[in-house]
Protein backbone atom coordinates (compact mmCIF):
# COMPACT_ATOMS: atom_id res chain seq x y z
CA MET A 1 -175.92 76.72 31.36
CA ALA A 2 -175.55 74.97 28.17
CA LYS A 3 -177.31 71.73 27.63
CA ARG A 4 -175.25 68.55 27.11
CA THR A 5 -175.88 66.18 24.39
CA ILE A 6 -175.38 62.60 25.27
CA TYR A 7 -175.67 60.15 22.25
CA ALA A 8 -177.55 57.08 23.05
CA ASN A 9 -175.79 55.09 20.44
CA ARG A 10 -172.37 55.72 22.42
CA ILE A 11 -173.97 54.31 25.49
CA ILE A 12 -175.40 51.34 23.84
CA GLU A 13 -171.95 50.81 22.26
CA ALA A 14 -170.29 50.93 25.63
CA ILE A 15 -172.79 48.62 27.16
CA ARG A 16 -172.16 46.17 24.43
CA SER A 17 -168.33 46.54 24.76
CA GLY A 18 -168.79 45.31 28.34
CA MET A 19 -167.97 48.78 29.93
CA GLY A 20 -169.26 48.99 33.68
CA ASP A 21 -171.77 51.42 34.81
CA VAL A 22 -169.43 53.59 36.84
CA PRO A 23 -166.91 53.96 33.98
CA ILE A 24 -169.69 54.90 31.60
CA MET A 25 -170.81 57.43 34.12
CA GLU A 26 -167.41 59.06 34.49
CA LYS A 27 -166.73 58.84 30.76
CA TYR A 28 -170.01 60.75 29.95
CA GLN A 29 -169.71 62.64 33.03
CA ILE A 30 -173.37 61.82 34.42
CA SER A 31 -174.76 61.17 37.60
CA PRO A 32 -176.36 57.96 38.61
CA GLY A 33 -179.78 59.50 38.38
CA GLU A 34 -179.02 60.79 34.91
CA PHE A 35 -177.63 57.40 33.83
CA MET A 36 -180.82 55.48 35.19
CA GLU A 37 -183.14 57.86 33.25
CA ILE A 38 -180.88 57.21 30.06
CA LEU A 39 -181.05 53.59 30.58
CA ARG A 40 -185.00 53.76 31.02
CA LYS A 41 -185.35 55.64 27.76
CA LEU A 42 -183.08 53.27 26.08
CA LYS A 43 -184.90 50.33 27.32
CA ARG A 44 -188.18 51.85 25.94
CA GLY A 45 -186.49 52.67 22.46
CA ASP A 46 -184.35 49.65 21.74
CA PRO A 47 -186.09 46.19 22.30
CA THR A 48 -182.93 44.34 21.16
CA ASP A 49 -180.88 45.34 24.04
CA SER A 50 -183.88 45.75 26.51
CA GLU A 51 -182.98 42.70 28.76
CA LYS A 52 -179.45 43.91 28.87
CA ILE A 53 -180.67 47.29 30.16
CA GLU A 54 -183.35 46.02 32.35
CA ALA A 55 -180.58 43.81 34.20
CA ARG A 56 -178.37 47.02 34.58
CA LEU A 57 -181.36 49.00 35.98
CA ILE A 58 -182.16 46.42 38.54
CA GLU A 59 -178.57 46.22 39.65
CA LEU A 60 -178.28 50.01 39.83
CA GLU A 61 -181.41 50.52 41.83
CA LYS A 62 -180.60 47.48 44.20
CA ASN A 63 -177.04 48.63 44.69
CA LEU A 64 -176.58 52.10 44.04
CA ASN A 65 -176.93 54.80 47.02
CA PRO A 66 -177.81 57.91 44.71
CA SER A 67 -176.49 60.12 47.32
CA GLU A 68 -172.96 58.52 47.24
CA MET A 69 -172.19 57.03 43.75
CA ARG A 70 -168.55 57.10 44.18
CA SER A 71 -166.66 55.33 46.98
CA MET A 72 -164.32 58.27 47.24
CA PRO A 73 -165.06 61.84 46.17
CA ARG A 74 -163.08 63.29 43.39
CA ASN A 75 -160.35 65.66 44.21
CA TYR A 76 -159.63 68.36 41.46
CA MET A 77 -156.03 69.56 41.07
CA VAL A 78 -155.42 73.10 41.81
CA PHE A 79 -151.70 73.00 40.83
CA GLN A 80 -150.23 70.99 37.68
CA VAL A 81 -149.34 67.72 38.76
CA THR A 82 -147.61 65.28 36.22
CA VAL A 83 -147.92 61.43 36.22
CA GLU A 84 -145.53 59.51 34.02
CA ASP A 85 -144.79 55.85 33.11
CA THR A 86 -142.07 54.50 35.11
CA ASP A 87 -140.83 52.51 31.95
CA ASP A 88 -141.07 55.25 29.57
CA ALA A 89 -140.67 58.94 30.81
CA SER A 90 -141.78 60.14 27.32
CA VAL A 91 -145.20 58.81 28.31
CA PHE A 92 -146.61 61.44 30.75
CA GLY A 93 -149.74 63.55 31.42
CA THR A 94 -151.48 66.00 33.60
CA VAL A 95 -153.65 64.76 36.58
CA ASN A 96 -157.08 66.46 36.33
CA ASP A 97 -158.46 64.53 39.35
CA ILE A 98 -157.37 61.96 41.69
CA THR A 99 -158.59 59.76 44.67
CA GLU A 100 -156.86 57.07 46.60
CA SER A 101 -158.38 54.49 43.96
CA GLY A 102 -157.70 56.23 40.82
CA PHE A 103 -157.21 59.35 38.68
CA GLN A 104 -158.13 61.10 35.40
CA VAL A 105 -155.10 62.10 33.27
CA GLU A 106 -154.94 64.26 30.32
CA GLY A 107 -152.44 63.74 27.71
CA ILE A 108 -151.63 59.82 28.01
CA GLN A 109 -152.87 57.74 25.14
CA SER A 110 -154.15 54.38 26.34
CA ASN A 111 -156.50 51.67 25.76
CA VAL A 112 -159.22 50.24 28.12
CA ASP A 113 -157.46 47.40 30.27
CA ASP A 114 -153.90 48.55 29.50
CA ALA A 115 -152.07 48.28 32.61
CA GLY A 116 -148.94 50.18 33.63
CA ARG A 117 -146.65 51.45 36.42
CA PHE A 118 -146.76 55.09 37.22
CA VAL A 119 -145.05 57.83 39.16
CA ILE A 120 -146.11 61.27 40.46
CA ARG A 121 -143.37 63.75 41.67
CA SER A 122 -144.24 67.10 43.01
CA GLU A 123 -142.48 70.00 44.66
CA ILE A 124 -145.04 69.95 47.63
CA LEU A 125 -143.88 66.38 48.59
CA ALA A 126 -140.71 65.99 50.40
CA GLU A 127 -137.47 66.16 48.38
CA ASP A 128 -136.85 63.04 46.24
CA THR A 129 -140.33 61.75 47.16
CA GLU A 130 -142.10 59.87 44.53
CA ILE A 131 -145.73 58.31 44.54
CA VAL A 132 -145.28 54.95 42.66
CA PHE A 133 -148.29 52.71 41.89
CA GLU A 134 -149.76 50.41 39.42
CA ALA A 135 -152.95 51.29 37.40
CA VAL A 136 -155.33 50.01 34.88
CA CYS A 137 -156.98 52.07 32.37
CA ARG A 138 -160.75 51.91 32.53
CA TRP A 139 -161.94 54.39 30.04
CA THR A 140 -160.63 56.75 27.32
CA LYS A 141 -161.85 59.88 25.79
CA PRO A 142 -159.62 60.66 22.52
CA GLY A 143 -159.08 64.42 22.32
CA ALA A 144 -162.70 64.94 23.11
CA ILE A 145 -162.46 67.97 25.37
CA THR A 146 -159.04 69.41 24.59
CA GLU A 147 -156.59 68.42 21.99
CA HIS A 148 -155.17 65.83 24.34
CA ASP A 149 -156.51 62.39 25.14
CA VAL A 150 -158.22 61.97 28.47
CA ALA A 151 -158.22 58.65 30.27
CA GLY A 152 -159.39 57.36 33.54
CA PHE A 153 -157.34 54.97 35.67
CA GLU A 154 -157.92 52.79 38.57
CA ILE A 155 -154.98 52.16 41.01
CA THR A 156 -154.57 48.73 41.53
CA SER A 157 -151.37 48.57 43.56
CA ILE A 158 -149.78 50.92 45.93
CA SER A 159 -147.33 50.68 48.78
CA GLU A 160 -148.21 52.20 52.12
CA SER A 161 -145.49 54.87 51.85
CA SER A 162 -146.75 55.95 48.51
CA LEU A 163 -150.50 55.92 49.65
CA GLY A 164 -149.30 58.12 52.57
CA GLU A 165 -147.74 60.68 50.07
CA LEU A 166 -150.71 60.28 47.80
CA ARG A 167 -153.02 61.41 50.67
CA LYS A 168 -150.78 64.44 51.31
CA LEU A 169 -150.76 65.24 47.67
CA ILE A 170 -154.53 65.17 47.77
CA ARG A 171 -154.90 67.27 50.86
CA TYR A 172 -152.45 69.91 49.72
CA LEU A 173 -152.94 70.14 46.05
CA SER A 174 -156.52 69.68 45.32
CA LEU A 175 -160.10 70.80 45.80
CA GLY A 176 -162.78 68.30 46.97
CA GLU A 177 -165.67 67.14 44.75
CA ARG A 178 -168.35 69.84 44.29
CA PRO A 179 -171.93 68.92 45.71
């Protein structure tokens, strides 16, 4: 297995910009344990940010159950599912993973804290069924893994009927998070 390189200056930059722990872990695809170890190393190596880092470590250790970092497991899409902006159909992307509370999308350029109204349509859903919801961008990774931007969105508002359809989509079109 290839060893990943995580640059400390990028983690420090994310902390200084006010990014939360979970978005940092998602952005750099690291576990809570790995994140805490990175924070410990950063604390030892950078006295200027050691108070901020120490506060994060205390909070993580106090509140984080290492066996369950996410409130909901990721569901990786088996088939291509497209999400698009309801106001501009030219703004669309491919869902990489999704939960009832958020999704990772490839192909939508966004900035952290950008909000929008989105729709998912899929052949597996009943005809003319759409999943419509509002979401806020929590992190971005410009063209890092592929030539397309990748972003993580938190679903902030969804109707009961769309939530029911989202649950069907997750059940029929995805694989659950790997242990």
